[in-house]
Structures are given as structure tokens and as C-alpha cells.
Amino acid sequence: MDLEILITTRLALHPLTAAQAVVVESGDTHTPPDGARWAPGYPDEGDRAGARRFLAACASTGNPQPFGPYEIRRRTDGMAIGGVAFHGRPDAAGQVTIGYGLISSARGRGHASEALRALLTFARSQGVRSVKGDADLDNVGSHRVMASAGMRLVAVDERLKHYRVDWPGTSPGEEVPWSDSAVR
């Protein structure tokens, strides 16, 4: 399966294959898969957990790509600095869940917001009607990322803040302009 690399101004989001996920999950930083380049600190525990979740999905229900994980790489040097992912295919209502993370040295530069905007734009172009995500109550940076990407706070519980973006009437193949206004 040939999967599309999602390109933004500063980033390239590379769809992770099952073979690549095995290497990410192992945490073997000496042998990045398929000539990939990893920034120091990548993969971190969040990346390894995401790879495990992806591999479990592949084993139980088949490869969910393009609704799986993407490695976030800087376009300037090709270094992987984190990941952004769908947690599986859209459900019957057309909703998907997302997650993301960056190595600590890449945080605070807008990379997570940029990657999430690209993933949301892609989701909408695939006919997804709603995307949800959550973050721990004290993870203010992640709250800002989701808000910056156009997601709105919809609920708070004892552990998490829950965010969502909805696109009623979205259909697969719909042309979605690349801008913040495309994310509502």
C-alpha cells in the first residue's frame, strides 16, 4: 500500500508501516528503519506506546492506514521528532480519535499544532465528520495545541480535558483548502 506523506510548511508526516512500528516499539535508536533519521530522544515512551497500539490493531483488525500513526519529520533535516496518529479507522458515525507527541527538544515551536492541523485537514478530506482528542488536566501545552488546531473544549472530567472538531456533511474526496479556516 502506497501511502501519502502529508507535507506542511516545516514538516513531513510519514505514515508508519507495521515493519517500521516494530523498530520504533523496540526503542532501538541505533537502527532507524528504512533510512529514517531520528533526532536524539526519538522514539520516546509515547512513541513506543503508539507503535504498540498500532501493531496490536494490525494484528487484531488489520492495518488501519491511512488512519494510523505518522512520524513527524522536520523538512529541513529529515529528523523524526515525534508522532501524530489516528487511533484507528472512523467509527460508524464518522468519528476518529487522535493523539500526538514530540520529543522534549522539539516542543514549544508550533510543530505539534502544525502536524495536528495537517492531520485534521487530511481527516476532513477523507470524509471524517468528527475528530476527538484529550489531554491530562495539567497538560496546558497540549490544550493549546488542540485549540490552536481548531478543536474546541467539549468536556472536563477528574483527569482529562476533552476536545473535538466537527464537520457536518463532510464527504470523502471533498477538496479542503490548506488553511486554519478549513478546521472548524
N, C-alpha and C. Protein backbone atom coordinates (compact mmCIF):
# COMPACT_ATOMS: atom_id res chain seq x y z
N MET A 1 0.85 -1.17 0.00
CA MET A 1 0.00 0.00 0.00
C MET A 1 0.90 1.24 0.00
N ASP A 2 0.74 2.09 -1.00
CA ASP A 2 1.49 3.33 -1.08
C ASP A 2 0.70 4.42 -0.38
N LEU A 3 1.24 4.95 0.70
CA LEU A 3 0.52 5.94 1.49
C LEU A 3 1.09 7.32 1.27
N GLU A 4 0.22 8.30 1.34
CA GLU A 4 0.57 9.69 1.11
C GLU A 4 1.34 10.27 2.30
N ILE A 5 2.45 10.94 2.00
CA ILE A 5 3.17 11.72 3.00
C ILE A 5 2.48 13.06 3.07
N LEU A 6 2.09 13.49 4.25
CA LEU A 6 1.41 14.78 4.42
C LEU A 6 2.48 15.84 4.64
N ILE A 7 2.48 16.86 3.79
CA ILE A 7 3.50 17.90 3.81
C ILE A 7 2.91 19.21 4.34
N THR A 8 3.62 19.84 5.26
CA THR A 8 3.25 21.17 5.75
C THR A 8 4.42 22.11 5.44
N THR A 9 4.35 23.31 5.90
CA THR A 9 5.41 24.27 5.66
C THR A 9 6.75 23.78 6.20
N ARG A 10 6.75 23.23 7.42
CA ARG A 10 8.02 22.83 8.05
C ARG A 10 8.17 21.34 8.29
N LEU A 11 7.10 20.57 8.06
CA LEU A 11 7.10 19.17 8.46
C LEU A 11 6.67 18.25 7.33
N ALA A 12 7.08 17.00 7.45
CA ALA A 12 6.58 15.92 6.59
C ALA A 12 6.08 14.83 7.53
N LEU A 13 4.83 14.45 7.37
CA LEU A 13 4.23 13.40 8.20
C LEU A 13 4.25 12.11 7.39
N HIS A 14 5.11 11.17 7.82
CA HIS A 14 5.30 9.91 7.12
C HIS A 14 4.44 8.83 7.75
N PRO A 15 3.54 8.20 6.97
CA PRO A 15 2.74 7.10 7.52
C PRO A 15 3.67 5.97 7.97
N LEU A 16 3.44 5.47 9.14
CA LEU A 16 4.26 4.39 9.69
C LEU A 16 3.75 3.05 9.18
N THR A 17 4.66 2.21 8.72
CA THR A 17 4.29 0.85 8.34
C THR A 17 4.43 -0.05 9.57
N ALA A 18 3.87 -1.25 9.48
CA ALA A 18 4.00 -2.19 10.59
C ALA A 18 5.47 -2.52 10.84
N ALA A 19 6.25 -2.70 9.77
CA ALA A 19 7.68 -3.02 9.94
C ALA A 19 8.42 -1.89 10.64
N GLN A 20 8.11 -0.65 10.28
CA GLN A 20 8.74 0.49 10.95
C GLN A 20 8.29 0.58 12.40
N ALA A 21 7.02 0.28 12.65
CA ALA A 21 6.49 0.34 14.02
C ALA A 21 7.19 -0.66 14.93
N VAL A 22 7.58 -1.81 14.40
CA VAL A 22 8.30 -2.80 15.20
C VAL A 22 9.61 -2.20 15.72
N VAL A 23 10.32 -1.47 14.85
CA VAL A 23 11.59 -0.87 15.25
C VAL A 23 11.35 0.28 16.24
N VAL A 24 10.35 1.12 15.99
CA VAL A 24 10.02 2.20 16.92
C VAL A 24 9.66 1.62 18.28
N GLU A 25 8.83 0.59 18.29
CA GLU A 25 8.40 -0.04 19.55
C GLU A 25 9.58 -0.60 20.34
N SER A 26 10.57 -1.11 19.63
CA SER A 26 11.74 -1.68 20.31
C SER A 26 12.58 -0.61 21.00
N GLY A 27 12.49 0.63 20.50
CA GLY A 27 13.28 1.72 21.08
C GLY A 27 14.75 1.67 20.68
N ASP A 28 15.09 0.82 19.71
CA ASP A 28 16.48 0.70 19.25
C ASP A 28 16.85 1.94 18.43
N THR A 29 17.46 2.91 19.08
CA THR A 29 17.79 4.17 18.41
C THR A 29 18.99 4.05 17.49
N HIS A 30 19.66 2.92 17.49
CA HIS A 30 20.84 2.74 16.64
C HIS A 30 20.47 2.29 15.23
N THR A 31 19.23 1.80 15.03
CA THR A 31 18.85 1.25 13.75
C THR A 31 17.49 1.79 13.29
N PRO A 32 17.39 3.08 12.94
CA PRO A 32 16.11 3.58 12.41
C PRO A 32 15.73 2.80 11.14
N PRO A 33 14.45 2.53 10.94
CA PRO A 33 14.01 1.76 9.78
C PRO A 33 14.10 2.53 8.46
N ASP A 34 14.36 1.80 7.40
CA ASP A 34 14.29 2.33 6.04
C ASP A 34 15.02 3.66 5.85
N GLY A 35 16.19 3.80 6.44
CA GLY A 35 16.99 5.00 6.24
C GLY A 35 16.46 6.24 6.95
N ALA A 36 15.49 6.06 7.84
CA ALA A 36 14.95 7.21 8.58
C ALA A 36 16.04 7.81 9.46
N ARG A 37 15.88 9.06 9.79
CA ARG A 37 16.81 9.74 10.69
C ARG A 37 16.03 10.17 11.92
N TRP A 38 16.57 9.83 13.09
CA TRP A 38 15.89 10.13 14.35
C TRP A 38 16.67 11.16 15.13
N ALA A 39 15.98 12.21 15.56
CA ALA A 39 16.59 13.20 16.44
C ALA A 39 16.86 12.55 17.80
N PRO A 40 17.87 13.04 18.53
CA PRO A 40 18.12 12.49 19.87
C PRO A 40 16.86 12.56 20.73
N GLY A 41 16.54 11.46 21.38
CA GLY A 41 15.34 11.39 22.21
C GLY A 41 14.16 10.71 21.54
N TYR A 42 14.27 10.48 20.23
CA TYR A 42 13.21 9.79 19.50
C TYR A 42 13.65 8.36 19.24
N PRO A 43 12.79 7.38 19.40
CA PRO A 43 11.43 7.46 19.93
C PRO A 43 11.42 7.51 21.45
N ASP A 44 10.45 8.26 21.99
CA ASP A 44 10.30 8.28 23.44
C ASP A 44 9.22 7.27 23.84
N GLU A 45 8.88 7.22 25.11
CA GLU A 45 7.91 6.22 25.58
C GLU A 45 6.55 6.40 24.91
N GLY A 46 6.14 7.64 24.66
CA GLY A 46 4.87 7.87 23.97
C GLY A 46 4.88 7.31 22.56
N ASP A 47 6.01 7.47 21.86
CA ASP A 47 6.13 6.91 20.50
C ASP A 47 6.09 5.39 20.54
N ARG A 48 6.77 4.80 21.51
CA ARG A 48 6.79 3.35 21.64
C ARG A 48 5.39 2.82 21.98
N ALA A 49 4.67 3.51 22.85
CA ALA A 49 3.30 3.10 23.20
C ALA A 49 2.39 3.20 21.98
N GLY A 50 2.55 4.25 21.19
CA GLY A 50 1.75 4.39 19.97
C GLY A 50 2.05 3.29 18.97
N ALA A 51 3.32 2.93 18.85
CA ALA A 51 3.70 1.83 17.95
C ALA A 51 3.09 0.52 18.43
N ARG A 52 3.10 0.27 19.75
CA ARG A 52 2.47 -0.95 20.29
C ARG A 52 0.98 -0.98 19.98
N ARG A 53 0.30 0.17 20.16
CA ARG A 53 -1.14 0.25 19.88
C ARG A 53 -1.41 -0.05 18.40
N PHE A 54 -0.59 0.53 17.52
CA PHE A 54 -0.73 0.31 16.07
C PHE A 54 -0.51 -1.16 15.73
N LEU A 55 0.53 -1.77 16.28
CA LEU A 55 0.82 -3.18 15.99
C LEU A 55 -0.30 -4.08 16.51
N ALA A 56 -0.87 -3.76 17.66
CA ALA A 56 -2.00 -4.53 18.19
C ALA A 56 -3.20 -4.42 17.26
N ALA A 57 -3.46 -3.21 16.74
CA ALA A 57 -4.57 -3.02 15.80
C ALA A 57 -4.33 -3.81 14.52
N CYS A 58 -3.10 -3.77 14.03
CA CYS A 58 -2.77 -4.54 12.81
C CYS A 58 -3.04 -6.02 13.03
N ALA A 59 -2.68 -6.54 14.20
CA ALA A 59 -2.85 -7.96 14.49
C ALA A 59 -4.32 -8.34 14.69
N SER A 60 -5.11 -7.43 15.26
CA SER A 60 -6.49 -7.80 15.58
C SER A 60 -7.49 -7.46 14.48
N THR A 61 -7.33 -6.31 13.82
CA THR A 61 -8.34 -5.91 12.82
C THR A 61 -7.73 -5.55 11.47
N GLY A 62 -6.42 -5.66 11.33
CA GLY A 62 -5.76 -5.30 10.07
C GLY A 62 -5.20 -3.89 10.15
N ASN A 63 -4.35 -3.60 9.20
CA ASN A 63 -3.68 -2.29 9.17
C ASN A 63 -4.72 -1.18 8.95
N PRO A 64 -4.81 -0.22 9.86
CA PRO A 64 -5.81 0.84 9.73
C PRO A 64 -5.39 1.99 8.82
N GLN A 65 -4.16 1.97 8.27
CA GLN A 65 -3.69 3.09 7.47
C GLN A 65 -4.66 3.34 6.32
N PRO A 66 -4.94 4.58 5.98
CA PRO A 66 -4.23 5.79 6.39
C PRO A 66 -4.66 6.35 7.74
N PHE A 67 -5.49 5.59 8.48
CA PHE A 67 -5.94 6.04 9.80
C PHE A 67 -5.12 5.39 10.91
N GLY A 68 -3.81 5.54 10.81
CA GLY A 68 -2.87 5.03 11.79
C GLY A 68 -1.88 6.11 12.16
N PRO A 69 -0.68 5.70 12.58
CA PRO A 69 0.32 6.68 13.03
C PRO A 69 1.15 7.26 11.89
N TYR A 70 1.63 8.47 12.13
CA TYR A 70 2.52 9.18 11.21
C TYR A 70 3.71 9.67 12.03
N GLU A 71 4.89 9.48 11.48
CA GLU A 71 6.10 10.00 12.11
C GLU A 71 6.24 11.46 11.68
N ILE A 72 6.47 12.36 12.63
CA ILE A 72 6.66 13.78 12.33
C ILE A 72 8.15 14.01 12.08
N ARG A 73 8.46 14.45 10.86
CA ARG A 73 9.84 14.75 10.50
C ARG A 73 9.98 16.20 10.08
N ARG A 74 11.08 16.82 10.52
CA ARG A 74 11.37 18.19 10.07
C ARG A 74 11.79 18.13 8.61
N ARG A 75 11.29 19.04 7.80
CA ARG A 75 11.67 19.06 6.39
C ARG A 75 13.10 19.57 6.21
N THR A 76 13.61 20.38 7.13
CA THR A 76 14.95 20.94 6.98
C THR A 76 16.05 19.90 7.03
N ASP A 77 15.87 18.87 7.89
CA ASP A 77 16.94 17.87 8.03
C ASP A 77 16.43 16.43 8.00
N GLY A 78 15.12 16.24 7.87
CA GLY A 78 14.55 14.90 7.79
C GLY A 78 14.50 14.14 9.10
N MET A 79 14.85 14.79 10.20
CA MET A 79 14.87 14.13 11.50
C MET A 79 13.46 13.93 12.06
N ALA A 80 13.20 12.70 12.55
CA ALA A 80 11.94 12.41 13.23
C ALA A 80 11.99 13.04 14.62
N ILE A 81 10.93 13.79 14.95
CA ILE A 81 10.88 14.49 16.23
C ILE A 81 9.66 14.11 17.06
N GLY A 82 8.83 13.20 16.55
CA GLY A 82 7.64 12.79 17.28
C GLY A 82 6.67 12.08 16.37
N GLY A 83 5.44 11.99 16.85
CA GLY A 83 4.42 11.31 16.08
C GLY A 83 3.06 11.93 16.28
N VAL A 84 2.20 11.71 15.30
CA VAL A 84 0.81 12.12 15.36
C VAL A 84 0.03 10.96 14.77
N ALA A 85 -1.14 10.65 15.35
CA ALA A 85 -1.81 9.42 14.92
C ALA A 85 -3.31 9.51 15.05
N PHE A 86 -3.96 8.77 14.18
CA PHE A 86 -5.35 8.40 14.38
C PHE A 86 -5.30 7.11 15.19
N HIS A 87 -6.23 6.93 16.09
CA HIS A 87 -6.27 5.71 16.90
C HIS A 87 -7.17 4.67 16.25
N GLY A 88 -7.20 4.64 14.94
CA GLY A 88 -7.98 3.67 14.19
C GLY A 88 -8.86 4.33 13.15
N ARG A 89 -9.54 3.49 12.41
CA ARG A 89 -10.45 3.97 11.36
C ARG A 89 -11.64 4.70 11.97
N PRO A 90 -12.31 5.53 11.16
CA PRO A 90 -13.53 6.20 11.66
C PRO A 90 -14.59 5.17 12.07
N ASP A 91 -15.33 5.51 13.11
CA ASP A 91 -16.43 4.63 13.54
C ASP A 91 -17.64 4.85 12.65
N ALA A 92 -18.76 4.22 12.98
CA ALA A 92 -19.96 4.29 12.15
C ALA A 92 -20.50 5.71 12.01
N ALA A 93 -20.21 6.56 12.98
CA ALA A 93 -20.65 7.96 12.93
C ALA A 93 -19.65 8.85 12.20
N GLY A 94 -18.54 8.27 11.74
CA GLY A 94 -17.52 9.06 11.04
C GLY A 94 -16.58 9.79 11.97
N GLN A 95 -16.42 9.30 13.20
CA GLN A 95 -15.56 9.96 14.18
C GLN A 95 -14.28 9.16 14.39
N VAL A 96 -13.16 9.89 14.54
CA VAL A 96 -11.87 9.29 14.87
C VAL A 96 -11.29 9.99 16.09
N THR A 97 -10.35 9.30 16.73
CA THR A 97 -9.63 9.85 17.87
C THR A 97 -8.18 10.06 17.44
N ILE A 98 -7.57 11.14 17.91
CA ILE A 98 -6.19 11.45 17.56
C ILE A 98 -5.32 11.52 18.82
N GLY A 99 -4.03 11.43 18.58
CA GLY A 99 -3.04 11.63 19.62
C GLY A 99 -1.77 12.14 18.97
N TYR A 100 -0.88 12.71 19.75
CA TYR A 100 0.36 13.26 19.21
C TYR A 100 1.35 13.43 20.34
N GLY A 101 2.60 13.59 19.96
CA GLY A 101 3.64 13.85 20.94
C GLY A 101 4.93 14.23 20.25
N LEU A 102 5.72 15.02 20.92
CA LEU A 102 7.02 15.44 20.41
C LEU A 102 8.09 15.15 21.45
N ILE A 103 9.31 14.94 20.98
CA ILE A 103 10.42 14.85 21.92
C ILE A 103 10.57 16.21 22.58
N SER A 104 11.11 16.23 23.78
CA SER A 104 11.14 17.48 24.56
C SER A 104 11.88 18.60 23.85
N SER A 105 12.95 18.30 23.12
CA SER A 105 13.72 19.36 22.45
C SER A 105 12.96 20.01 21.30
N ALA A 106 11.87 19.41 20.83
CA ALA A 106 11.10 19.96 19.71
C ALA A 106 9.85 20.70 20.16
N ARG A 107 9.56 20.69 21.45
CA ARG A 107 8.35 21.32 21.95
C ARG A 107 8.48 22.84 21.99
N GLY A 108 7.32 23.50 21.97
CA GLY A 108 7.29 24.95 22.10
C GLY A 108 7.61 25.72 20.83
N ARG A 109 7.60 25.04 19.70
CA ARG A 109 7.93 25.68 18.42
C ARG A 109 6.78 25.64 17.42
N GLY A 110 5.63 25.16 17.87
CA GLY A 110 4.47 25.08 16.99
C GLY A 110 4.40 23.84 16.11
N HIS A 111 5.35 22.92 16.27
CA HIS A 111 5.36 21.71 15.44
C HIS A 111 4.13 20.83 15.68
N ALA A 112 3.74 20.66 16.93
CA ALA A 112 2.59 19.80 17.22
C ALA A 112 1.31 20.38 16.62
N SER A 113 1.11 21.69 16.75
CA SER A 113 -0.07 22.33 16.16
C SER A 113 -0.07 22.19 14.65
N GLU A 114 1.08 22.39 14.04
CA GLU A 114 1.20 22.28 12.58
C GLU A 114 0.89 20.85 12.12
N ALA A 115 1.43 19.87 12.82
CA ALA A 115 1.17 18.47 12.47
C ALA A 115 -0.29 18.12 12.68
N LEU A 116 -0.87 18.56 13.78
CA LEU A 116 -2.27 18.25 14.05
C LEU A 116 -3.18 18.90 13.02
N ARG A 117 -2.90 20.15 12.62
CA ARG A 117 -3.70 20.80 11.58
C ARG A 117 -3.67 19.98 10.29
N ALA A 118 -2.49 19.48 9.92
CA ALA A 118 -2.38 18.66 8.71
C ALA A 118 -3.20 17.38 8.83
N LEU A 119 -3.15 16.74 9.99
CA LEU A 119 -3.90 15.51 10.19
C LEU A 119 -5.41 15.79 10.14
N LEU A 120 -5.83 16.89 10.74
CA LEU A 120 -7.25 17.25 10.71
C LEU A 120 -7.71 17.55 9.28
N THR A 121 -6.90 18.27 8.53
CA THR A 121 -7.23 18.57 7.13
C THR A 121 -7.35 17.27 6.33
N PHE A 122 -6.41 16.35 6.54
CA PHE A 122 -6.47 15.05 5.87
C PHE A 122 -7.73 14.30 6.27
N ALA A 123 -8.05 14.27 7.56
CA ALA A 123 -9.24 13.56 8.03
C ALA A 123 -10.49 14.10 7.34
N ARG A 124 -10.59 15.40 7.28
CA ARG A 124 -11.76 16.01 6.65
C ARG A 124 -11.84 15.63 5.18
N SER A 125 -10.70 15.61 4.49
CA SER A 125 -10.69 15.26 3.07
C SER A 125 -11.08 13.80 2.84
N GLN A 126 -10.98 12.97 3.87
CA GLN A 126 -11.34 11.55 3.78
C GLN A 126 -12.77 11.28 4.21
N GLY A 127 -13.53 12.34 4.47
CA GLY A 127 -14.93 12.18 4.84
C GLY A 127 -15.19 12.03 6.32
N VAL A 128 -14.16 12.18 7.15
CA VAL A 128 -14.36 12.11 8.60
C VAL A 128 -15.26 13.27 9.02
N ARG A 129 -16.20 13.00 9.88
CA ARG A 129 -17.14 14.03 10.33
C ARG A 129 -16.78 14.67 11.66
N SER A 130 -15.95 13.97 12.46
CA SER A 130 -15.62 14.48 13.78
C SER A 130 -14.30 13.86 14.25
N VAL A 131 -13.48 14.68 14.90
CA VAL A 131 -12.22 14.21 15.46
C VAL A 131 -12.20 14.61 16.92
N LYS A 132 -11.81 13.67 17.78
CA LYS A 132 -11.73 13.97 19.20
C LYS A 132 -10.33 13.64 19.73
N GLY A 133 -9.98 14.32 20.80
CA GLY A 133 -8.70 14.11 21.48
C GLY A 133 -8.84 14.55 22.91
N ASP A 134 -7.89 14.14 23.74
CA ASP A 134 -7.93 14.55 25.14
C ASP A 134 -6.52 14.73 25.67
N ALA A 135 -6.42 15.40 26.79
CA ALA A 135 -5.13 15.63 27.45
C ALA A 135 -5.35 15.73 28.95
N ASP A 136 -4.33 15.32 29.69
CA ASP A 136 -4.38 15.44 31.15
C ASP A 136 -4.70 16.88 31.54
N LEU A 137 -5.35 17.06 32.68
CA LEU A 137 -5.73 18.40 33.14
C LEU A 137 -4.55 19.36 33.23
N ASP A 138 -3.39 18.86 33.63
CA ASP A 138 -2.24 19.75 33.81
C ASP A 138 -1.37 19.90 32.56
N ASN A 139 -1.78 19.32 31.43
CA ASN A 139 -1.00 19.39 30.19
C ASN A 139 -1.46 20.60 29.37
N VAL A 140 -1.12 21.77 29.85
CA VAL A 140 -1.55 23.03 29.24
C VAL A 140 -1.04 23.15 27.80
N GLY A 141 0.17 22.68 27.55
CA GLY A 141 0.72 22.73 26.19
C GLY A 141 -0.16 21.98 25.20
N SER A 142 -0.62 20.81 25.59
CA SER A 142 -1.48 20.02 24.72
C SER A 142 -2.85 20.67 24.54
N HIS A 143 -3.35 21.31 25.57
CA HIS A 143 -4.62 22.04 25.43
C HIS A 143 -4.46 23.13 24.38
N ARG A 144 -3.33 23.82 24.43
CA ARG A 144 -3.07 24.90 23.46
C ARG A 144 -2.93 24.35 22.05
N VAL A 145 -2.29 23.18 21.91
CA VAL A 145 -2.13 22.57 20.59
C VAL A 145 -3.50 22.30 19.97
N MET A 146 -4.38 21.64 20.71
CA MET A 146 -5.69 21.29 20.15
C MET A 146 -6.51 22.55 19.85
N ALA A 147 -6.46 23.53 20.73
CA ALA A 147 -7.19 24.78 20.48
C ALA A 147 -6.62 25.49 19.26
N SER A 148 -5.30 25.53 19.15
CA SER A 148 -4.65 26.19 18.01
C SER A 148 -5.01 25.51 16.68
N ALA A 149 -5.22 24.19 16.73
CA ALA A 149 -5.56 23.44 15.53
C ALA A 149 -7.04 23.54 15.18
N GLY A 150 -7.83 24.21 16.02
CA GLY A 150 -9.24 24.41 15.72
C GLY A 150 -10.19 23.51 16.47
N MET A 151 -9.67 22.73 17.40
CA MET A 151 -10.54 21.87 18.20
C MET A 151 -11.09 22.68 19.38
N ARG A 152 -12.27 22.33 19.83
CA ARG A 152 -12.87 23.08 20.95
C ARG A 152 -13.02 22.18 22.16
N LEU A 153 -12.89 22.77 23.32
CA LEU A 153 -13.08 22.06 24.58
C LEU A 153 -14.56 21.69 24.70
N VAL A 154 -14.83 20.39 24.91
CA VAL A 154 -16.23 19.94 25.00
C VAL A 154 -16.58 19.32 26.34
N ALA A 155 -15.56 18.93 27.12
CA ALA A 155 -15.85 18.32 28.43
C ALA A 155 -14.58 18.30 29.27
N VAL A 156 -14.79 18.28 30.58
CA VAL A 156 -13.70 18.14 31.54
C VAL A 156 -14.16 17.13 32.58
N ASP A 157 -13.29 16.17 32.89
CA ASP A 157 -13.61 15.24 33.96
C ASP A 157 -12.50 15.30 35.01
N GLU A 158 -12.46 14.35 35.92
CA GLU A 158 -11.49 14.42 37.02
C GLU A 158 -10.04 14.26 36.56
N ARG A 159 -9.80 13.75 35.35
CA ARG A 159 -8.44 13.52 34.85
C ARG A 159 -8.09 14.28 33.58
N LEU A 160 -9.11 14.49 32.71
CA LEU A 160 -8.83 14.92 31.34
C LEU A 160 -9.67 16.11 30.90
N LYS A 161 -9.12 16.85 29.94
CA LYS A 161 -9.89 17.81 29.15
C LYS A 161 -10.10 17.16 27.78
N HIS A 162 -11.34 17.19 27.30
CA HIS A 162 -11.72 16.55 26.05
C HIS A 162 -12.01 17.62 24.99
N TYR A 163 -11.42 17.44 23.82
CA TYR A 163 -11.56 18.38 22.71
C TYR A 163 -12.17 17.66 21.52
N ARG A 164 -12.80 18.45 20.63
CA ARG A 164 -13.40 17.88 19.42
C ARG A 164 -13.54 18.95 18.35
N VAL A 165 -13.52 18.49 17.12
CA VAL A 165 -13.87 19.33 15.97
C VAL A 165 -14.85 18.53 15.13
N ASP A 166 -15.88 19.22 14.61
CA ASP A 166 -16.93 18.57 13.82
C ASP A 166 -17.06 19.25 12.47
N TRP A 167 -17.32 18.42 11.45
CA TRP A 167 -17.58 18.92 10.09
C TRP A 167 -18.82 18.23 9.55
N PRO A 168 -20.01 18.67 9.95
CA PRO A 168 -21.23 18.04 9.44
C PRO A 168 -21.27 18.11 7.91
N GLY A 169 -21.70 17.02 7.30
CA GLY A 169 -21.86 16.99 5.85
C GLY A 169 -20.59 16.72 5.08
N THR A 170 -19.49 16.45 5.74
CA THR A 170 -18.24 16.15 5.04
C THR A 170 -18.39 14.84 4.28
N SER A 171 -17.82 14.81 3.07
CA SER A 171 -17.84 13.57 2.29
C SER A 171 -16.45 13.28 1.76
N PRO A 172 -16.13 11.99 1.56
CA PRO A 172 -14.79 11.64 1.07
C PRO A 172 -14.47 12.33 -0.25
N GLY A 173 -13.22 12.76 -0.37
CA GLY A 173 -12.75 13.39 -1.59
C GLY A 173 -13.05 14.88 -1.68
N GLU A 174 -13.76 15.42 -0.69
CA GLU A 174 -14.08 16.85 -0.69
C GLU A 174 -12.79 17.65 -0.65
N GLU A 175 -12.67 18.62 -1.52
CA GLU A 175 -11.48 19.48 -1.55
C GLU A 175 -11.49 20.36 -0.31
N VAL A 176 -10.40 20.30 0.44
CA VAL A 176 -10.28 21.08 1.67
C VAL A 176 -9.11 22.03 1.51
N PRO A 177 -9.36 23.34 1.52
CA PRO A 177 -8.23 24.28 1.38
C PRO A 177 -7.28 24.17 2.55
N TRP A 178 -6.00 24.38 2.31
CA TRP A 178 -4.98 24.30 3.36
C TRP A 178 -4.93 25.64 4.08
N SER A 179 -5.63 25.75 5.17
CA SER A 179 -5.58 26.95 5.99
C SER A 179 -6.24 26.63 7.31
N ASP A 180 -6.00 27.49 8.28
CA ASP A 180 -6.63 27.30 9.58
C ASP A 180 -8.14 27.39 9.46
N SER A 181 -8.63 28.14 8.46
CA SER A 181 -10.08 28.28 8.33
C SER A 181 -10.74 26.98 7.89
N ALA A 182 -9.93 26.01 7.38
CA ALA A 182 -10.51 24.73 6.97
C ALA A 182 -10.85 23.89 8.19
N VAL A 183 -10.30 24.22 9.31
CA VAL A 183 -10.55 23.46 10.53
C VAL A 183 -11.52 24.23 11.40
N ARG A 184 -12.70 23.69 11.60
CA ARG A 184 -13.72 24.38 12.40
C ARG A 184 -14.14 23.50 13.56
